[in-house]
Amino acid sequence: MVAIVTAGAASALVLAAPAQADPDTAFAKELQSYGIYGQKDYNAWIGKIACKRLDRGVDVNARDSAKFVSDQLQRGSSTEQAWQFLGAAMNYYCPDKRVLLTAQ
């Protein structure tokens, strides 16, 4: 009986889907590589809102969205960091909007 339970448990582990990495943590790590720090949840929230604003047409292009992000970042953040933040947000929260980064 123990062998059956052990075999069943082992097969359940083999068939289990691999754990997905937390996108908010991965996003925070990418931001840190650009020198953008701050509370993980706040930054994730801003990234998700930036995507929603693009999706709903509040921001009509990446420039508008980068301006929104810039307004949310800590004082002293650069324009480059706002664009890096936006690109990272698109990577994790709205990859379908990445095309806007190259649109004129």
N, C-alpha and C. Protein backbone atom coordinates (compact mmCIF):
# COMPACT_ATOMS: atom_id res chain seq x y z
N MET A 1 0.82 -1.20 0.00
CA MET A 1 0.00 0.00 0.00
C MET A 1 0.86 1.26 0.00
N VAL A 2 1.93 1.25 0.80
CA VAL A 2 2.83 2.39 0.88
C VAL A 2 3.48 2.63 -0.48
N ALA A 3 3.83 1.57 -1.17
CA ALA A 3 4.47 1.71 -2.49
C ALA A 3 3.52 2.36 -3.47
N ILE A 4 2.25 2.04 -3.41
CA ILE A 4 1.25 2.62 -4.32
C ILE A 4 1.11 4.12 -4.05
N VAL A 5 1.02 4.49 -2.78
CA VAL A 5 0.89 5.90 -2.41
C VAL A 5 2.14 6.66 -2.82
N THR A 6 3.31 6.11 -2.58
CA THR A 6 4.57 6.75 -2.95
C THR A 6 4.67 6.91 -4.47
N ALA A 7 4.30 5.88 -5.20
CA ALA A 7 4.34 5.95 -6.66
C ALA A 7 3.35 6.99 -7.17
N GLY A 8 2.18 7.05 -6.55
CA GLY A 8 1.18 8.05 -6.95
C GLY A 8 1.67 9.46 -6.68
N ALA A 9 2.29 9.66 -5.54
CA ALA A 9 2.81 10.98 -5.19
C ALA A 9 3.95 11.37 -6.14
N ALA A 10 4.81 10.42 -6.45
CA ALA A 10 5.92 10.70 -7.36
C ALA A 10 5.41 11.07 -8.75
N SER A 11 4.40 10.35 -9.23
CA SER A 11 3.88 10.67 -10.56
C SER A 11 3.18 12.02 -10.56
N ALA A 12 2.56 12.39 -9.45
CA ALA A 12 1.92 13.70 -9.37
C ALA A 12 2.98 14.80 -9.45
N LEU A 13 4.13 14.60 -8.83
CA LEU A 13 5.20 15.59 -8.89
C LEU A 13 5.76 15.71 -10.30
N VAL A 14 5.89 14.60 -10.98
CA VAL A 14 6.42 14.62 -12.35
C VAL A 14 5.44 15.32 -13.28
N LEU A 15 4.15 15.12 -13.07
CA LEU A 15 3.15 15.70 -13.96
C LEU A 15 2.80 17.14 -13.61
N ALA A 16 3.22 17.62 -12.45
CA ALA A 16 2.89 18.98 -12.06
C ALA A 16 3.57 19.97 -13.00
N ALA A 17 2.85 21.02 -13.32
CA ALA A 17 3.42 22.06 -14.18
C ALA A 17 4.50 22.80 -13.42
N PRO A 18 5.54 23.24 -14.11
CA PRO A 18 6.58 23.99 -13.43
C PRO A 18 6.01 25.29 -12.85
N ALA A 19 6.53 25.69 -11.74
CA ALA A 19 6.06 26.93 -11.09
C ALA A 19 6.41 28.12 -11.97
N GLN A 20 5.49 29.02 -12.10
CA GLN A 20 5.73 30.24 -12.86
C GLN A 20 6.42 31.26 -11.96
N ALA A 21 7.39 31.94 -12.48
CA ALA A 21 8.06 33.00 -11.72
C ALA A 21 7.08 34.15 -11.54
N ASP A 22 7.19 34.81 -10.43
CA ASP A 22 6.34 35.96 -10.15
C ASP A 22 6.75 37.11 -11.08
N PRO A 23 5.85 37.54 -11.97
CA PRO A 23 6.23 38.59 -12.92
C PRO A 23 6.59 39.90 -12.22
N ASP A 24 5.97 40.20 -11.08
CA ASP A 24 6.28 41.44 -10.39
C ASP A 24 7.72 41.43 -9.86
N THR A 25 8.17 40.27 -9.39
CA THR A 25 9.54 40.15 -8.90
C THR A 25 10.53 40.26 -10.05
N ALA A 26 10.23 39.58 -11.15
CA ALA A 26 11.10 39.66 -12.32
C ALA A 26 11.15 41.09 -12.86
N PHE A 27 10.02 41.77 -12.87
CA PHE A 27 9.94 43.16 -13.31
C PHE A 27 10.81 44.03 -12.41
N ALA A 28 10.71 43.85 -11.10
CA ALA A 28 11.50 44.63 -10.15
C ALA A 28 13.00 44.41 -10.38
N LYS A 29 13.38 43.17 -10.65
CA LYS A 29 14.80 42.88 -10.89
C LYS A 29 15.29 43.56 -12.16
N GLU A 30 14.44 43.56 -13.20
CA GLU A 30 14.84 44.25 -14.43
C GLU A 30 14.98 45.74 -14.18
N LEU A 31 14.03 46.32 -13.44
CA LEU A 31 14.12 47.75 -13.14
C LEU A 31 15.40 48.08 -12.38
N GLN A 32 15.77 47.22 -11.43
CA GLN A 32 16.99 47.45 -10.66
C GLN A 32 18.22 47.44 -11.56
N SER A 33 18.18 46.64 -12.63
CA SER A 33 19.32 46.62 -13.54
C SER A 33 19.48 47.96 -14.27
N TYR A 34 18.41 48.76 -14.29
CA TYR A 34 18.45 50.10 -14.90
C TYR A 34 18.67 51.19 -13.85
N GLY A 35 18.84 50.79 -12.58
CA GLY A 35 19.01 51.77 -11.52
C GLY A 35 17.70 52.37 -11.06
N ILE A 36 16.60 51.68 -11.34
CA ILE A 36 15.28 52.14 -10.91
C ILE A 36 14.88 51.30 -9.70
N TYR A 37 14.74 51.97 -8.58
CA TYR A 37 14.40 51.28 -7.34
C TYR A 37 13.04 51.76 -6.86
N GLY A 38 12.64 51.29 -5.75
CA GLY A 38 11.35 51.66 -5.19
C GLY A 38 10.60 50.41 -4.79
N GLN A 39 9.46 50.62 -4.22
CA GLN A 39 8.67 49.50 -3.73
C GLN A 39 8.19 48.62 -4.89
N LYS A 40 8.42 47.33 -4.78
CA LYS A 40 8.08 46.38 -5.85
C LYS A 40 6.62 46.48 -6.25
N ASP A 41 5.72 46.49 -5.28
CA ASP A 41 4.29 46.53 -5.59
C ASP A 41 3.89 47.83 -6.27
N TYR A 42 4.47 48.94 -5.84
CA TYR A 42 4.16 50.23 -6.45
C TYR A 42 4.62 50.26 -7.90
N ASN A 43 5.86 49.82 -8.14
CA ASN A 43 6.36 49.83 -9.51
C ASN A 43 5.55 48.91 -10.41
N ALA A 44 5.18 47.73 -9.90
CA ALA A 44 4.34 46.81 -10.69
C ALA A 44 2.99 47.46 -10.99
N TRP A 45 2.44 48.14 -10.03
CA TRP A 45 1.15 48.81 -10.20
C TRP A 45 1.25 49.88 -11.29
N ILE A 46 2.32 50.67 -11.26
CA ILE A 46 2.52 51.70 -12.29
C ILE A 46 2.68 51.05 -13.66
N GLY A 47 3.43 49.97 -13.73
CA GLY A 47 3.60 49.26 -15.00
C GLY A 47 2.29 48.75 -15.56
N LYS A 48 1.47 48.19 -14.69
CA LYS A 48 0.16 47.67 -15.12
C LYS A 48 -0.77 48.80 -15.53
N ILE A 49 -0.73 49.90 -14.81
CA ILE A 49 -1.57 51.05 -15.17
C ILE A 49 -1.13 51.62 -16.51
N ALA A 50 0.18 51.69 -16.74
CA ALA A 50 0.68 52.20 -18.03
C ALA A 50 0.12 51.35 -19.16
N CYS A 51 0.07 50.05 -18.96
CA CYS A 51 -0.49 49.17 -19.99
C CYS A 51 -1.99 49.40 -20.17
N LYS A 52 -2.70 49.56 -19.07
CA LYS A 52 -4.14 49.83 -19.16
C LYS A 52 -4.42 51.14 -19.87
N ARG A 53 -3.61 52.15 -19.57
CA ARG A 53 -3.80 53.46 -20.22
C ARG A 53 -3.62 53.34 -21.74
N LEU A 54 -2.65 52.55 -22.17
CA LEU A 54 -2.46 52.31 -23.60
C LEU A 54 -3.62 51.52 -24.18
N ASP A 55 -4.05 50.51 -23.46
CA ASP A 55 -5.14 49.66 -23.93
C ASP A 55 -6.45 50.45 -24.08
N ARG A 56 -6.69 51.36 -23.18
CA ARG A 56 -7.94 52.13 -23.18
C ARG A 56 -7.86 53.43 -23.97
N GLY A 57 -6.69 53.72 -24.52
CA GLY A 57 -6.55 54.92 -25.34
C GLY A 57 -6.33 56.20 -24.55
N VAL A 58 -6.10 56.09 -23.24
CA VAL A 58 -5.79 57.29 -22.45
C VAL A 58 -4.46 57.87 -22.93
N ASP A 59 -3.49 57.00 -23.11
CA ASP A 59 -2.23 57.36 -23.76
C ASP A 59 -2.29 56.77 -25.16
N VAL A 60 -2.09 57.61 -26.16
CA VAL A 60 -2.27 57.13 -27.54
C VAL A 60 -0.98 56.59 -28.16
N ASN A 61 0.16 56.86 -27.51
CA ASN A 61 1.42 56.37 -28.05
C ASN A 61 2.41 56.16 -26.91
N ALA A 62 3.56 55.62 -27.24
CA ALA A 62 4.57 55.34 -26.23
C ALA A 62 5.10 56.61 -25.58
N ARG A 63 5.18 57.69 -26.33
CA ARG A 63 5.66 58.96 -25.77
C ARG A 63 4.74 59.42 -24.63
N ASP A 64 3.43 59.34 -24.87
CA ASP A 64 2.47 59.71 -23.81
C ASP A 64 2.64 58.81 -22.59
N SER A 65 2.82 57.53 -22.84
CA SER A 65 2.96 56.57 -21.77
C SER A 65 4.26 56.78 -21.00
N ALA A 66 5.34 57.08 -21.69
CA ALA A 66 6.61 57.35 -21.03
C ALA A 66 6.51 58.60 -20.15
N LYS A 67 5.75 59.57 -20.60
CA LYS A 67 5.52 60.78 -19.80
C LYS A 67 4.77 60.43 -18.53
N PHE A 68 3.74 59.60 -18.63
CA PHE A 68 3.00 59.14 -17.46
C PHE A 68 3.95 58.43 -16.49
N VAL A 69 4.75 57.52 -17.01
CA VAL A 69 5.70 56.77 -16.16
C VAL A 69 6.68 57.74 -15.51
N SER A 70 7.22 58.67 -16.27
CA SER A 70 8.17 59.64 -15.75
C SER A 70 7.58 60.42 -14.58
N ASP A 71 6.32 60.78 -14.71
CA ASP A 71 5.65 61.53 -13.64
C ASP A 71 5.51 60.70 -12.36
N GLN A 72 5.54 59.38 -12.49
CA GLN A 72 5.37 58.50 -11.32
C GLN A 72 6.70 58.13 -10.67
N LEU A 73 7.79 58.21 -11.40
CA LEU A 73 9.09 57.79 -10.87
C LEU A 73 9.63 58.80 -9.86
N GLN A 74 10.57 58.32 -9.07
CA GLN A 74 11.19 59.17 -8.05
C GLN A 74 11.85 60.37 -8.71
N ARG A 75 11.83 61.48 -8.01
CA ARG A 75 12.51 62.68 -8.49
C ARG A 75 13.97 62.33 -8.76
N GLY A 76 14.49 62.80 -9.85
CA GLY A 76 15.87 62.53 -10.22
C GLY A 76 16.02 61.40 -11.22
N SER A 77 14.90 60.73 -11.54
CA SER A 77 14.96 59.68 -12.56
C SER A 77 15.10 60.33 -13.92
N SER A 78 15.80 59.65 -14.80
CA SER A 78 16.07 60.22 -16.13
C SER A 78 14.97 59.85 -17.12
N THR A 79 14.98 60.54 -18.23
CA THR A 79 14.08 60.22 -19.33
C THR A 79 14.37 58.81 -19.82
N GLU A 80 15.65 58.47 -19.88
CA GLU A 80 16.04 57.12 -20.31
C GLU A 80 15.43 56.06 -19.38
N GLN A 81 15.44 56.31 -18.09
CA GLN A 81 14.87 55.36 -17.14
C GLN A 81 13.36 55.22 -17.32
N ALA A 82 12.68 56.31 -17.65
CA ALA A 82 11.24 56.23 -17.90
C ALA A 82 10.97 55.32 -19.10
N TRP A 83 11.77 55.44 -20.14
CA TRP A 83 11.60 54.58 -21.31
C TRP A 83 11.97 53.14 -21.00
N GLN A 84 13.02 52.94 -20.20
CA GLN A 84 13.39 51.58 -19.79
C GLN A 84 12.28 50.96 -18.95
N PHE A 85 11.71 51.73 -18.06
CA PHE A 85 10.61 51.26 -17.23
C PHE A 85 9.44 50.84 -18.13
N LEU A 86 9.09 51.69 -19.08
CA LEU A 86 7.98 51.40 -19.97
C LEU A 86 8.25 50.13 -20.78
N GLY A 87 9.44 50.00 -21.32
CA GLY A 87 9.78 48.80 -22.08
C GLY A 87 9.69 47.55 -21.23
N ALA A 88 10.18 47.63 -20.00
CA ALA A 88 10.10 46.48 -19.09
C ALA A 88 8.64 46.17 -18.75
N ALA A 89 7.85 47.20 -18.50
CA ALA A 89 6.42 47.00 -18.19
C ALA A 89 5.72 46.29 -19.35
N MET A 90 6.05 46.70 -20.56
CA MET A 90 5.45 46.05 -21.73
C MET A 90 5.89 44.60 -21.82
N ASN A 91 7.14 44.32 -21.49
CA ASN A 91 7.63 42.94 -21.52
C ASN A 91 6.81 42.03 -20.61
N TYR A 92 6.47 42.52 -19.43
CA TYR A 92 5.83 41.69 -18.43
C TYR A 92 4.31 41.78 -18.42
N TYR A 93 3.76 42.94 -18.74
CA TYR A 93 2.33 43.14 -18.53
C TYR A 93 1.51 43.37 -19.80
N CYS A 94 2.14 43.78 -20.89
CA CYS A 94 1.38 43.98 -22.13
C CYS A 94 2.31 43.85 -23.34
N PRO A 95 2.81 42.64 -23.59
CA PRO A 95 3.76 42.46 -24.70
C PRO A 95 3.17 42.83 -26.06
N ASP A 96 1.86 42.81 -26.17
CA ASP A 96 1.23 43.20 -27.43
C ASP A 96 1.41 44.69 -27.73
N LYS A 97 1.77 45.48 -26.74
CA LYS A 97 1.97 46.93 -26.94
C LYS A 97 3.40 47.30 -27.28
N ARG A 98 4.33 46.33 -27.27
CA ARG A 98 5.73 46.62 -27.56
C ARG A 98 5.93 47.28 -28.91
N VAL A 99 5.06 46.97 -29.85
CA VAL A 99 5.17 47.55 -31.19
C VAL A 99 5.12 49.09 -31.12
N LEU A 100 4.49 49.63 -30.09
CA LEU A 100 4.39 51.08 -29.95
C LEU A 100 5.75 51.74 -29.68
N LEU A 101 6.69 50.95 -29.18
CA LEU A 101 8.02 51.52 -28.90
C LEU A 101 8.76 51.91 -30.17
N THR A 102 8.42 51.29 -31.28
CA THR A 102 9.09 51.61 -32.53
C THR A 102 8.20 52.39 -33.49
N ALA A 103 6.95 52.61 -33.12
CA ALA A 103 6.02 53.38 -33.98
C ALA A 103 6.34 54.86 -33.87
N GLN A 104 6.19 55.56 -34.96
CA GLN A 104 6.43 57.01 -34.97
C GLN A 104 5.18 57.77 -34.85
